[in-house]
Amino acid sequence: MAIRGPVETKINTIQKAGIVADVPNLTINAYVTKTDKTMKLFDRYQRFSFAGRYWKVTAPDSISTPGILEFTAEEDYDCNHDELIVEITNPNPPVEES
């Protein structure tokens, strides 16, 4: 797995009726080997944790690059830990030479 981001440099804010709220602003792009398991784990709207934050897959792309599942995920403030399908602790494990 390879992960890039977040790259945002500002926080988007909404203000209505005197209430100010920040919207999830961080996004990451990830690349994983395309398998039946990763297609289910990183399907659209699936939630996962990485780097101390919760994320929701917003745009999976399984057709652009053969054998690779690319997806974009956005920071998810509404995530309940019980909804997590996977927790990514080491997205780039060391490669062992044979």
N, C-alpha and C. Protein backbone atom coordinates (compact mmCIF):
# COMPACT_ATOMS: atom_id res chain seq x y z
N MET A 1 0.85 -1.17 0.00
CA MET A 1 0.00 0.00 0.00
C MET A 1 0.89 1.23 0.00
N ALA A 2 0.49 2.21 -0.79
CA ALA A 2 1.17 3.51 -0.79
C ALA A 2 0.12 4.58 -0.54
N ILE A 3 0.44 5.52 0.35
CA ILE A 3 -0.50 6.59 0.68
C ILE A 3 0.18 7.93 0.48
N ARG A 4 -0.56 8.86 -0.16
CA ARG A 4 -0.07 10.21 -0.37
C ARG A 4 -1.05 11.19 0.24
N GLY A 5 -0.54 12.14 0.99
CA GLY A 5 -1.39 13.19 1.54
C GLY A 5 -1.31 13.21 3.05
N PRO A 6 -2.05 14.02 3.68
CA PRO A 6 -2.91 15.06 3.11
C PRO A 6 -2.11 16.24 2.57
N VAL A 7 -2.69 16.92 1.61
CA VAL A 7 -2.00 18.03 0.96
C VAL A 7 -2.71 19.38 1.14
N GLU A 8 -3.84 19.38 1.83
CA GLU A 8 -4.59 20.61 2.00
C GLU A 8 -3.81 21.59 2.87
N THR A 9 -4.01 22.87 2.59
CA THR A 9 -3.30 23.91 3.34
C THR A 9 -4.24 24.85 4.08
N LYS A 10 -5.55 24.60 4.02
CA LYS A 10 -6.49 25.46 4.74
C LYS A 10 -7.69 24.63 5.20
N ILE A 11 -8.44 25.17 6.15
CA ILE A 11 -9.64 24.52 6.65
C ILE A 11 -10.85 25.26 6.08
N ASN A 12 -11.75 24.53 5.44
CA ASN A 12 -12.99 25.13 4.94
C ASN A 12 -13.98 25.27 6.09
N THR A 13 -14.65 26.40 6.14
CA THR A 13 -15.58 26.69 7.23
C THR A 13 -16.93 27.09 6.67
N ILE A 14 -17.99 26.68 7.37
CA ILE A 14 -19.36 27.06 7.01
C ILE A 14 -19.93 27.86 8.18
N GLN A 15 -20.65 28.95 7.86
CA GLN A 15 -21.28 29.72 8.91
C GLN A 15 -22.74 29.97 8.53
N LYS A 16 -23.66 29.55 9.39
CA LYS A 16 -25.08 29.76 9.18
C LYS A 16 -25.74 30.05 10.51
N ALA A 17 -26.58 31.04 10.55
CA ALA A 17 -27.35 31.39 11.75
C ALA A 17 -26.46 31.51 12.98
N GLY A 18 -25.29 32.10 12.82
CA GLY A 18 -24.40 32.31 13.94
C GLY A 18 -23.63 31.08 14.38
N ILE A 19 -23.76 29.97 13.67
CA ILE A 19 -23.04 28.74 14.00
C ILE A 19 -21.92 28.56 12.99
N VAL A 20 -20.73 28.35 13.49
CA VAL A 20 -19.57 28.16 12.63
C VAL A 20 -19.11 26.70 12.77
N ALA A 21 -18.88 26.06 11.64
CA ALA A 21 -18.43 24.66 11.66
C ALA A 21 -17.35 24.45 10.61
N ASP A 22 -16.34 23.68 11.00
CA ASP A 22 -15.32 23.26 10.04
C ASP A 22 -15.83 22.01 9.34
N VAL A 23 -15.50 21.87 8.08
CA VAL A 23 -15.87 20.67 7.34
C VAL A 23 -14.63 19.80 7.19
N PRO A 24 -14.81 18.47 7.11
CA PRO A 24 -13.63 17.62 6.92
C PRO A 24 -12.85 18.10 5.70
N ASN A 25 -11.60 18.37 5.90
CA ASN A 25 -10.85 18.97 4.81
C ASN A 25 -9.69 18.14 4.31
N LEU A 26 -9.24 17.19 5.09
CA LEU A 26 -8.08 16.43 4.65
C LEU A 26 -8.48 15.29 3.74
N THR A 27 -7.70 15.06 2.71
CA THR A 27 -7.91 13.92 1.82
C THR A 27 -6.58 13.21 1.62
N ILE A 28 -6.67 11.91 1.35
CA ILE A 28 -5.49 11.13 1.01
C ILE A 28 -5.79 10.32 -0.25
N ASN A 29 -4.77 10.02 -0.98
CA ASN A 29 -4.86 9.11 -2.12
C ASN A 29 -4.06 7.87 -1.76
N ALA A 30 -4.61 6.70 -2.07
CA ALA A 30 -3.94 5.46 -1.74
C ALA A 30 -3.96 4.50 -2.92
N TYR A 31 -2.96 3.65 -2.96
CA TYR A 31 -2.84 2.63 -4.00
C TYR A 31 -2.60 1.29 -3.30
N VAL A 32 -3.42 0.29 -3.61
CA VAL A 32 -3.25 -1.05 -3.05
C VAL A 32 -3.37 -2.06 -4.18
N THR A 33 -2.82 -3.24 -3.95
CA THR A 33 -2.98 -4.32 -4.91
C THR A 33 -4.46 -4.67 -4.99
N LYS A 34 -4.97 -4.81 -6.19
CA LYS A 34 -6.39 -5.10 -6.39
C LYS A 34 -6.64 -6.59 -6.19
N THR A 35 -7.38 -6.91 -5.13
CA THR A 35 -7.82 -8.28 -4.85
C THR A 35 -9.29 -8.21 -4.45
N ASP A 36 -9.93 -9.34 -4.34
CA ASP A 36 -11.33 -9.34 -3.87
C ASP A 36 -11.42 -8.71 -2.49
N LYS A 37 -10.43 -9.02 -1.63
CA LYS A 37 -10.44 -8.48 -0.26
C LYS A 37 -10.29 -6.96 -0.26
N THR A 38 -9.32 -6.42 -1.01
CA THR A 38 -9.14 -4.96 -1.00
C THR A 38 -10.30 -4.24 -1.68
N MET A 39 -10.92 -4.89 -2.66
CA MET A 39 -12.08 -4.29 -3.32
C MET A 39 -13.22 -4.11 -2.31
N LYS A 40 -13.37 -5.05 -1.37
CA LYS A 40 -14.42 -4.94 -0.34
C LYS A 40 -14.01 -3.96 0.76
N LEU A 41 -12.75 -4.05 1.19
CA LEU A 41 -12.27 -3.20 2.29
C LEU A 41 -12.30 -1.72 1.93
N PHE A 42 -11.99 -1.40 0.67
CA PHE A 42 -11.88 0.00 0.27
C PHE A 42 -12.92 0.37 -0.79
N ASP A 43 -14.10 -0.19 -0.66
CA ASP A 43 -15.23 0.17 -1.52
C ASP A 43 -15.73 1.55 -1.10
N ARG A 44 -16.51 2.17 -1.94
CA ARG A 44 -17.03 3.52 -1.65
C ARG A 44 -17.79 3.53 -0.33
N TYR A 45 -17.54 4.55 0.48
CA TYR A 45 -18.16 4.82 1.79
C TYR A 45 -17.64 3.91 2.91
N GLN A 46 -16.70 3.02 2.64
CA GLN A 46 -16.13 2.21 3.72
C GLN A 46 -15.24 3.10 4.58
N ARG A 47 -15.19 2.81 5.86
CA ARG A 47 -14.42 3.61 6.80
C ARG A 47 -13.22 2.82 7.31
N PHE A 48 -12.13 3.55 7.57
CA PHE A 48 -10.94 2.94 8.13
C PHE A 48 -10.19 3.99 8.94
N SER A 49 -9.24 3.53 9.74
CA SER A 49 -8.42 4.48 10.50
C SER A 49 -6.98 4.37 10.02
N PHE A 50 -6.31 5.51 10.06
CA PHE A 50 -4.92 5.60 9.65
C PHE A 50 -4.33 6.88 10.24
N ALA A 51 -3.16 6.78 10.81
CA ALA A 51 -2.42 7.93 11.35
C ALA A 51 -3.23 8.71 12.38
N GLY A 52 -3.97 7.97 13.22
CA GLY A 52 -4.71 8.62 14.29
C GLY A 52 -5.97 9.35 13.85
N ARG A 53 -6.40 9.14 12.62
CA ARG A 53 -7.61 9.79 12.11
C ARG A 53 -8.52 8.75 11.48
N TYR A 54 -9.78 9.12 11.35
CA TYR A 54 -10.75 8.26 10.67
C TYR A 54 -10.97 8.80 9.27
N TRP A 55 -11.14 7.87 8.31
CA TRP A 55 -11.26 8.22 6.90
C TRP A 55 -12.44 7.48 6.29
N LYS A 56 -13.01 8.07 5.24
CA LYS A 56 -14.09 7.42 4.49
C LYS A 56 -13.71 7.44 3.01
N VAL A 57 -13.78 6.27 2.38
CA VAL A 57 -13.46 6.16 0.96
C VAL A 57 -14.53 6.91 0.17
N THR A 58 -14.10 7.84 -0.68
CA THR A 58 -15.06 8.63 -1.46
C THR A 58 -15.01 8.31 -2.95
N ALA A 59 -13.86 7.87 -3.44
CA ALA A 59 -13.76 7.63 -4.88
C ALA A 59 -12.79 6.49 -5.18
N PRO A 60 -13.30 5.24 -5.19
CA PRO A 60 -12.43 4.12 -5.58
C PRO A 60 -12.32 4.04 -7.10
N ASP A 61 -11.15 3.67 -7.58
CA ASP A 61 -10.92 3.51 -9.03
C ASP A 61 -10.22 2.19 -9.25
N SER A 62 -10.97 1.21 -9.74
CA SER A 62 -10.40 -0.13 -9.95
C SER A 62 -10.15 -0.43 -11.41
N ILE A 63 -10.35 0.54 -12.29
CA ILE A 63 -10.23 0.23 -13.72
C ILE A 63 -9.10 0.96 -14.44
N SER A 64 -8.56 2.03 -13.88
CA SER A 64 -7.55 2.81 -14.59
C SER A 64 -6.22 2.09 -14.74
N THR A 65 -5.78 1.39 -13.69
CA THR A 65 -4.50 0.69 -13.73
C THR A 65 -4.72 -0.78 -13.41
N PRO A 66 -4.43 -1.67 -14.36
CA PRO A 66 -4.64 -3.09 -14.11
C PRO A 66 -3.88 -3.58 -12.87
N GLY A 67 -4.59 -4.30 -12.00
CA GLY A 67 -3.98 -4.88 -10.81
C GLY A 67 -3.86 -3.94 -9.63
N ILE A 68 -4.24 -2.67 -9.80
CA ILE A 68 -4.11 -1.68 -8.74
C ILE A 68 -5.49 -1.07 -8.44
N LEU A 69 -5.79 -0.95 -7.16
CA LEU A 69 -6.99 -0.23 -6.72
C LEU A 69 -6.50 1.10 -6.17
N GLU A 70 -6.91 2.18 -6.80
CA GLU A 70 -6.58 3.51 -6.32
C GLU A 70 -7.84 4.09 -5.68
N PHE A 71 -7.69 4.76 -4.56
CA PHE A 71 -8.87 5.40 -3.98
C PHE A 71 -8.50 6.69 -3.28
N THR A 72 -9.48 7.57 -3.22
CA THR A 72 -9.37 8.81 -2.47
C THR A 72 -10.24 8.66 -1.24
N ALA A 73 -9.74 9.12 -0.10
CA ALA A 73 -10.50 9.07 1.15
C ALA A 73 -10.46 10.45 1.79
N GLU A 74 -11.55 10.81 2.45
CA GLU A 74 -11.59 12.10 3.14
C GLU A 74 -11.74 11.88 4.65
N GLU A 75 -11.21 12.82 5.39
CA GLU A 75 -11.28 12.77 6.85
C GLU A 75 -12.74 12.66 7.27
N ASP A 76 -13.01 11.79 8.24
CA ASP A 76 -14.39 11.50 8.64
C ASP A 76 -14.56 11.73 10.14
N TYR A 77 -15.25 12.81 10.48
CA TYR A 77 -15.46 13.16 11.89
C TYR A 77 -16.62 12.39 12.51
N ASP A 78 -17.48 11.81 11.71
CA ASP A 78 -18.68 11.13 12.22
C ASP A 78 -18.46 9.64 12.46
N CYS A 79 -17.27 9.16 12.27
CA CYS A 79 -17.02 7.72 12.34
C CYS A 79 -17.08 7.21 13.77
N ASN A 80 -17.78 6.12 13.93
CA ASN A 80 -17.84 5.40 15.20
C ASN A 80 -16.84 4.24 15.07
N HIS A 81 -16.05 4.01 16.08
CA HIS A 81 -15.03 2.95 15.99
C HIS A 81 -15.64 1.59 15.63
N ASP A 82 -16.90 1.36 16.01
CA ASP A 82 -17.56 0.09 15.69
C ASP A 82 -17.82 -0.07 14.19
N GLU A 83 -17.80 1.05 13.43
CA GLU A 83 -18.06 1.00 12.00
C GLU A 83 -16.81 0.71 11.18
N LEU A 84 -15.65 0.70 11.82
CA LEU A 84 -14.40 0.50 11.09
C LEU A 84 -14.31 -0.92 10.55
N ILE A 85 -13.87 -1.01 9.33
CA ILE A 85 -13.63 -2.32 8.75
C ILE A 85 -12.15 -2.68 8.91
N VAL A 86 -11.27 -1.70 8.79
CA VAL A 86 -9.84 -1.98 8.88
C VAL A 86 -9.12 -0.80 9.54
N GLU A 87 -8.06 -1.13 10.28
CA GLU A 87 -7.19 -0.11 10.84
C GLU A 87 -5.82 -0.31 10.22
N ILE A 88 -5.32 0.70 9.56
CA ILE A 88 -4.03 0.61 8.88
C ILE A 88 -2.96 1.11 9.84
N THR A 89 -2.10 0.23 10.26
CA THR A 89 -1.06 0.62 11.21
C THR A 89 0.28 0.82 10.53
N ASN A 90 0.56 0.09 9.48
CA ASN A 90 1.82 0.24 8.75
C ASN A 90 1.54 0.07 7.25
N PRO A 91 1.23 1.20 6.56
CA PRO A 91 0.87 1.08 5.15
C PRO A 91 2.03 0.70 4.25
N ASN A 92 3.25 0.91 4.69
CA ASN A 92 4.42 0.65 3.87
C ASN A 92 5.41 -0.25 4.61
N PRO A 93 5.05 -1.54 4.79
CA PRO A 93 5.96 -2.42 5.51
C PRO A 93 7.28 -2.59 4.75
N PRO A 94 8.37 -2.83 5.46
CA PRO A 94 9.65 -3.01 4.77
C PRO A 94 9.63 -4.23 3.87
N VAL A 95 10.29 -4.11 2.76
CA VAL A 95 10.37 -5.22 1.79
C VAL A 95 11.54 -6.10 2.19
N GLU A 96 11.25 -7.39 2.36
CA GLU A 96 12.30 -8.32 2.71
C GLU A 96 12.93 -8.87 1.45
N GLU A 97 14.25 -8.81 1.42
CA GLU A 97 14.97 -9.35 0.25
C GLU A 97 15.13 -10.84 0.41
N SER A 98 15.01 -11.56 -0.73
CA SER A 98 15.12 -13.02 -0.65
C SER A 98 16.46 -13.49 -1.18
